[in-house]
């Protein structure tokens, strides 16, 4: 179970890094918000679900 937690946390860190880099670039690019809005919302949703899954899985570790 510990390996699963480590993989979930690693995925969360990598995905968070991608969002931290990608979202400001999208906001800074002219006209990119309309094209990338759904992608950003999907990324935020995936990140939220990943946080919840990591928290629930962590509650099973003693």
PDB file of N, CA and C in Angstrom:
ATOM      1  N   UNK A   1       0.818  -1.190   0.000  1.00  0.00           N
ATOM      2  CA  UNK A   1       0.000   0.000   0.000  1.00  0.00           C
ATOM      3  C   UNK A   1       0.865   1.259   0.000  1.00  0.00           C
ATOM      4  N   UNK A   2       2.019   1.164   0.613  1.00  0.00           N
ATOM      5  CA  UNK A   2       2.905   2.317   0.669  1.00  0.00           C
ATOM      6  C   UNK A   2       3.397   2.707  -0.729  1.00  0.00           C
ATOM      7  N   UNK A   3       3.632   1.721  -1.565  1.00  0.00           N
ATOM      8  CA  UNK A   3       4.094   2.013  -2.922  1.00  0.00           C
ATOM      9  C   UNK A   3       2.996   2.724  -3.711  1.00  0.00           C
ATOM     10  N   UNK A   4       1.747   2.336  -3.484  1.00  0.00           N
ATOM     11  CA  UNK A   4       0.633   3.003  -4.165  1.00  0.00           C
ATOM     12  C   UNK A   4       0.557   4.464  -3.746  1.00  0.00           C
ATOM     13  N   UNK A   5       0.726   4.722  -2.454  1.00  0.00           N
ATOM     14  CA  UNK A   5       0.709   6.105  -1.955  1.00  0.00           C
ATOM     15  C   UNK A   5       1.847   6.902  -2.580  1.00  0.00           C
ATOM     16  N   UNK A   6       3.021   6.308  -2.651  1.00  0.00           N
ATOM     17  CA  UNK A   6       4.160   6.994  -3.242  1.00  0.00           C
ATOM     18  C   UNK A   6       3.922   7.300  -4.716  1.00  0.00           C
ATOM     19  N   UNK A   7       3.320   6.377  -5.444  1.00  0.00           N
ATOM     20  CA  UNK A   7       3.025   6.619  -6.858  1.00  0.00           C
ATOM     21  C   UNK A   7       1.958   7.700  -7.024  1.00  0.00           C
ATOM     22  N   UNK A   8       0.942   7.688  -6.154  1.00  0.00           N
ATOM     23  CA  UNK A   8      -0.080   8.725  -6.220  1.00  0.00           C
ATOM     24  C   UNK A   8       0.492  10.105  -5.918  1.00  0.00           C
ATOM     25  N   UNK A   9       1.361  10.179  -4.918  1.00  0.00           N
ATOM     26  CA  UNK A   9       1.975  11.463  -4.572  1.00  0.00           C
ATOM     27  C   UNK A   9       2.899  11.928  -5.691  1.00  0.00           C
ATOM     28  N   UNK A  10       3.638  11.013  -6.292  1.00  0.00           N
ATOM     29  CA  UNK A  10       4.506  11.379  -7.404  1.00  0.00           C
ATOM     30  C   UNK A  10       3.677  11.893  -8.587  1.00  0.00           C
ATOM     31  N   UNK A  11       2.572  11.221  -8.881  1.00  0.00           N
ATOM     32  CA  UNK A  11       1.695  11.682  -9.959  1.00  0.00           C
ATOM     33  C   UNK A  11       1.116  13.049  -9.635  1.00  0.00           C
ATOM     34  N   UNK A  12       0.763  13.268  -8.380  1.00  0.00           N
ATOM     35  CA  UNK A  12       0.222  14.562  -7.962  1.00  0.00           C
ATOM     36  C   UNK A  12       1.260  15.670  -8.099  1.00  0.00           C
ATOM     37  N   UNK A  13       2.484  15.392  -7.721  1.00  0.00           N
ATOM     38  CA  UNK A  13       3.551  16.394  -7.829  1.00  0.00           C
ATOM     39  C   UNK A  13       3.842  16.716  -9.299  1.00  0.00           C
ATOM     40  N   UNK A  14       3.927  15.696 -10.131  1.00  0.00           N
ATOM     41  CA  UNK A  14       4.206  15.925 -11.555  1.00  0.00           C
ATOM     42  C   UNK A  14       3.060  16.689 -12.210  1.00  0.00           C
ATOM     43  N   UNK A  15       1.822  16.288 -11.925  1.00  0.00           N
ATOM     44  CA  UNK A  15       0.674  16.958 -12.520  1.00  0.00           C
ATOM     45  C   UNK A  15       0.561  18.395 -12.025  1.00  0.00           C
ATOM     46  N   UNK A  16       0.861  18.619 -10.732  1.00  0.00           N
ATOM     47  CA  UNK A  16       0.836  19.974 -10.188  1.00  0.00           C
ATOM     48  C   UNK A  16       1.883  20.851 -10.858  1.00  0.00           C
ATOM     49  N   UNK A  17       3.055  20.302 -11.096  1.00  0.00           N
ATOM     50  CA  UNK A  17       4.108  21.053 -11.767  1.00  0.00           C
ATOM     51  C   UNK A  17       3.695  21.438 -13.183  1.00  0.00           C
ATOM     52  N   UNK A  18       3.069  20.496 -13.875  1.00  0.00           N
ATOM     53  CA  UNK A  18       2.594  20.804 -15.226  1.00  0.00           C
ATOM     54  C   UNK A  18       1.532  21.907 -15.204  1.00  0.00           C
ATOM     55  N   UNK A  19       0.641  21.868 -14.233  1.00  0.00           N
ATOM     56  CA  UNK A  19      -0.379  22.906 -14.132  1.00  0.00           C
ATOM     57  C   UNK A  19       0.224  24.259 -13.755  1.00  0.00           C
ATOM     58  N   UNK A  20       1.199  24.251 -12.851  1.00  0.00           N
ATOM     59  CA  UNK A  20       1.841  25.509 -12.433  1.00  0.00           C
ATOM     60  C   UNK A  20       2.564  26.162 -13.598  1.00  0.00           C
ATOM     61  N   UNK A  21       3.107  25.371 -14.490  1.00  0.00           N
ATOM     62  CA  UNK A  21       3.800  25.916 -15.653  1.00  0.00           C
ATOM     63  C   UNK A  21       2.811  26.257 -16.765  1.00  0.00           C
ATOM     64  N   UNK A  22       1.837  25.387 -17.006  1.00  0.00           N
ATOM     65  CA  UNK A  22       0.958  25.540 -18.152  1.00  0.00           C
ATOM     66  C   UNK A  22      -0.109  26.612 -18.028  1.00  0.00           C
ATOM     67  N   UNK A  23      -0.694  26.769 -16.854  1.00  0.00           N
ATOM     68  CA  UNK A  23      -1.789  27.734 -16.703  1.00  0.00           C
ATOM     69  C   UNK A  23      -1.313  29.178 -16.883  1.00  0.00           C
ATOM     70  N   UNK A  24      -0.219  29.610 -16.267  1.00  0.00           N
ATOM     71  CA  UNK A  24       0.228  30.986 -16.531  1.00  0.00           C
ATOM     72  C   UNK A  24       0.603  31.241 -17.985  1.00  0.00           C
ATOM     73  N   UNK A  25       1.155  30.241 -18.636  1.00  0.00           N
ATOM     74  CA  UNK A  25       1.486  30.410 -20.050  1.00  0.00           C
ATOM     75  C   UNK A  25       0.215  30.602 -20.864  1.00  0.00           C
ATOM     76  N   UNK A  26      -0.817  29.854 -20.528  1.00  0.00           N
ATOM     77  CA  UNK A  26      -2.093  29.999 -21.224  1.00  0.00           C
ATOM     78  C   UNK A  26      -2.698  31.374 -20.994  1.00  0.00           C
ATOM     79  N   UNK A  27      -2.639  31.861 -19.760  1.00  0.00           N
ATOM     80  CA  UNK A  27      -3.184  33.183 -19.459  1.00  0.00           C
ATOM     81  C   UNK A  27      -2.373  34.294 -20.121  1.00  0.00           C
ATOM     82  N   UNK A  28      -1.083  34.098 -20.267  1.00  0.00           N
ATOM     83  CA  UNK A  28      -0.231  35.142 -20.835  1.00  0.00           C
ATOM     84  C   UNK A  28      -0.321  35.204 -22.356  1.00  0.00           C
ATOM     85  N   UNK A  29      -0.715  34.127 -22.977  1.00  0.00           N
ATOM     86  CA  UNK A  29      -0.804  34.099 -24.433  1.00  0.00           C
ATOM     87  C   UNK A  29      -2.094  34.775 -24.890  1.00  0.00           C
ATOM     88  N   UNK A  30      -2.002  35.695 -25.829  1.00  0.00           N
ATOM     89  CA  UNK A  30      -3.220  36.382 -26.274  1.00  0.00           C
ATOM     90  C   UNK A  30      -4.157  35.445 -27.036  1.00  0.00           C
ATOM     91  N   UNK A  31      -5.414  35.445 -26.625  1.00  0.00           N
ATOM     92  CA  UNK A  31      -6.429  34.657 -27.299  1.00  0.00           C
ATOM     93  C   UNK A  31      -6.415  33.177 -26.984  1.00  0.00           C
ATOM     94  N   UNK A  32      -5.559  32.735 -26.102  1.00  0.00           N
ATOM     95  CA  UNK A  32      -5.467  31.310 -25.804  1.00  0.00           C
ATOM     96  C   UNK A  32      -6.500  30.850 -24.772  1.00  0.00           C
ATOM     97  N   UNK A  33      -7.088  31.791 -24.018  1.00  0.00           N
ATOM     98  CA  UNK A  33      -8.029  31.400 -22.975  1.00  0.00           C
ATOM     99  C   UNK A  33      -9.250  30.704 -23.576  1.00  0.00           C
ATOM    100  N   UNK A  34      -9.788  31.253 -24.645  1.00  0.00           N
ATOM    101  CA  UNK A  34     -10.969  30.661 -25.247  1.00  0.00           C
ATOM    102  C   UNK A  34     -10.690  29.264 -25.799  1.00  0.00           C
ATOM    103  N   UNK A  35      -9.500  29.064 -26.313  1.00  0.00           N
ATOM    104  CA  UNK A  35      -9.152  27.773 -26.897  1.00  0.00           C
ATOM    105  C   UNK A  35      -8.795  26.739 -25.828  1.00  0.00           C
ATOM    106  N   UNK A  36      -8.211  27.187 -24.734  1.00  0.00           N
ATOM    107  CA  UNK A  36      -7.694  26.256 -23.730  1.00  0.00           C
ATOM    108  C   UNK A  36      -8.548  26.180 -22.465  1.00  0.00           C
ATOM    109  N   UNK A  37      -9.682  26.854 -22.446  1.00  0.00           N
ATOM    110  CA  UNK A  37     -10.507  26.901 -21.243  1.00  0.00           C
ATOM    111  C   UNK A  37     -10.930  25.505 -20.798  1.00  0.00           C
ATOM    112  N   UNK A  38     -11.422  24.690 -21.707  1.00  0.00           N
ATOM    113  CA  UNK A  38     -11.867  23.344 -21.346  1.00  0.00           C
ATOM    114  C   UNK A  38     -10.711  22.473 -20.867  1.00  0.00           C
ATOM    115  N   UNK A  39      -9.546  22.637 -21.471  1.00  0.00           N
ATOM    116  CA  UNK A  39      -8.381  21.873 -21.053  1.00  0.00           C
ATOM    117  C   UNK A  39      -7.956  22.236 -19.633  1.00  0.00           C
ATOM    118  N   UNK A  40      -8.008  23.510 -19.304  1.00  0.00           N
ATOM    119  CA  UNK A  40      -7.631  23.953 -17.960  1.00  0.00           C
ATOM    120  C   UNK A  40      -8.638  23.454 -16.934  1.00  0.00           C
ATOM    121  N   UNK A  41      -9.923  23.542 -17.244  1.00  0.00           N
ATOM    122  CA  UNK A  41     -10.940  23.036 -16.321  1.00  0.00           C
ATOM    123  C   UNK A  41     -10.826  21.522 -16.140  1.00  0.00           C
ATOM    124  N   UNK A  42     -10.534  20.807 -17.199  1.00  0.00           N
ATOM    125  CA  UNK A  42     -10.339  19.363 -17.099  1.00  0.00           C
ATOM    126  C   UNK A  42      -9.113  19.040 -16.249  1.00  0.00           C
ATOM    127  N   UNK A  43      -8.036  19.775 -16.448  1.00  0.00           N
ATOM    128  CA  UNK A  43      -6.833  19.572 -15.642  1.00  0.00           C
ATOM    129  C   UNK A  43      -7.076  19.845 -14.172  1.00  0.00           C
ATOM    130  N   UNK A  44      -7.838  20.896 -13.874  1.00  0.00           N
ATOM    131  CA  UNK A  44      -8.160  21.205 -12.475  1.00  0.00           C
ATOM    132  C   UNK A  44      -9.037  20.116 -11.869  1.00  0.00           C
ATOM    133  N   UNK A  45      -9.952  19.575 -12.657  1.00  0.00           N
ATOM    134  CA  UNK A  45     -10.791  18.488 -12.163  1.00  0.00           C
ATOM    135  C   UNK A  45     -10.001  17.228 -11.891  1.00  0.00           C
ATOM    136  N   UNK A  46      -9.103  16.885 -12.800  1.00  0.00           N
ATOM    137  CA  UNK A  46      -8.250  15.709 -12.606  1.00  0.00           C
ATOM    138  C   UNK A  46      -7.369  15.891 -11.380  1.00  0.00           C
ATOM    139  N   UNK A  47      -6.840  17.104 -11.193  1.00  0.00           N
ATOM    140  CA  UNK A  47      -6.000  17.374 -10.035  1.00  0.00           C
ATOM    141  C   UNK A  47      -6.797  17.209  -8.749  1.00  0.00           C
ATOM    142  N   UNK A  48      -8.026  17.710  -8.716  1.00  0.00           N
ATOM    143  CA  UNK A  48      -8.874  17.593  -7.532  1.00  0.00           C
ATOM    144  C   UNK A  48      -9.176  16.132  -7.219  1.00  0.00           C
ATOM    145  N   UNK A  49      -9.520  15.362  -8.233  1.00  0.00           N
ATOM    146  CA  UNK A  49      -9.799  13.939  -8.027  1.00  0.00           C
ATOM    147  C   UNK A  49      -8.553  13.211  -7.539  1.00  0.00           C
ATOM    148  N   UNK A  50      -7.390  13.566  -8.075  1.00  0.00           N
ATOM    149  CA  UNK A  50      -6.138  12.949  -7.646  1.00  0.00           C
ATOM    150  C   UNK A  50      -5.830  13.270  -6.188  1.00  0.00           C
ATOM    151  N   UNK A  51      -6.116  14.492  -5.761  1.00  0.00           N
ATOM    152  CA  UNK A  51      -5.911  14.862  -4.348  1.00  0.00           C
ATOM    153  C   UNK A  51      -6.831  14.046  -3.446  1.00  0.00           C
ATOM    154  N   UNK A  52      -8.094  13.906  -3.844  1.00  0.00           N
ATOM    155  CA  UNK A  52      -9.049  13.152  -3.034  1.00  0.00           C
ATOM    156  C   UNK A  52      -8.663  11.678  -2.964  1.00  0.00           C
ATOM    157  N   UNK A  53      -8.289  11.094  -4.106  1.00  0.00           N
ATOM    158  CA  UNK A  53      -7.892   9.680  -4.122  1.00  0.00           C
ATOM    159  C   UNK A  53      -6.651   9.467  -3.264  1.00  0.00           C
ATOM    160  N   UNK A  54      -5.695  10.385  -3.338  1.00  0.00           N
ATOM    161  CA  UNK A  54      -4.487  10.267  -2.523  1.00  0.00           C
ATOM    162  C   UNK A  54      -4.821  10.360  -1.042  1.00  0.00           C
ATOM    163  N   UNK A  55      -5.713  11.267  -0.677  1.00  0.00           N
ATOM    164  CA  UNK A  55      -6.114  11.395   0.724  1.00  0.00           C
ATOM    165  C   UNK A  55      -6.843  10.175   1.237  1.00  0.00           C
ATOM    166  N   UNK A  56      -7.741   9.628   0.431  1.00  0.00           N
ATOM    167  CA  UNK A  56      -8.479   8.430   0.852  1.00  0.00           C
ATOM    168  C   UNK A  56      -7.530   7.241   0.969  1.00  0.00           C
ATOM    169  N   UNK A  57      -6.648   7.071   0.011  1.00  0.00           N
ATOM    170  CA  UNK A  57      -5.679   5.967   0.076  1.00  0.00           C
ATOM    171  C   UNK A  57      -4.735   6.130   1.258  1.00  0.00           C
ATOM    172  N   UNK A  58      -4.404   7.354   1.601  1.00  0.00           N
ATOM    173  CA  UNK A  58      -3.514   7.614   2.727  1.00  0.00           C
ATOM    174  C   UNK A  58      -4.193   7.287   4.053  1.00  0.00           C
ATOM    175  N   UNK A  59      -5.509   7.355   4.105  1.00  0.00           N
ATOM    176  CA  UNK A  59      -6.202   7.037   5.347  1.00  0.00           C
ATOM    177  C   UNK A  59      -6.128   5.542   5.685  1.00  0.00           C
ATOM    178  N   UNK A  60      -5.806   4.712   4.708  1.00  0.00           N
ATOM    179  CA  UNK A  60      -5.683   3.280   4.953  1.00  0.00           C
ATOM    180  C   UNK A  60      -4.284   2.871   5.426  1.00  0.00           C
ATOM    181  N   UNK A  61      -3.328   3.779   5.363  1.00  0.00           N
ATOM    182  CA  UNK A  61      -1.975   3.486   5.811  1.00  0.00           C
ATOM    183  C   UNK A  61      -1.895   3.734   7.316  1.00  0.00           C
ATOM    184  N   UNK A  62      -1.381   2.766   8.029  1.00  0.00           N
ATOM    185  CA  UNK A  62      -1.313   2.880   9.502  1.00  0.00           C
ATOM    186  C   UNK A  62       0.017   3.451   9.907  1.00  0.00           C
TER     187      UNK A  62
END
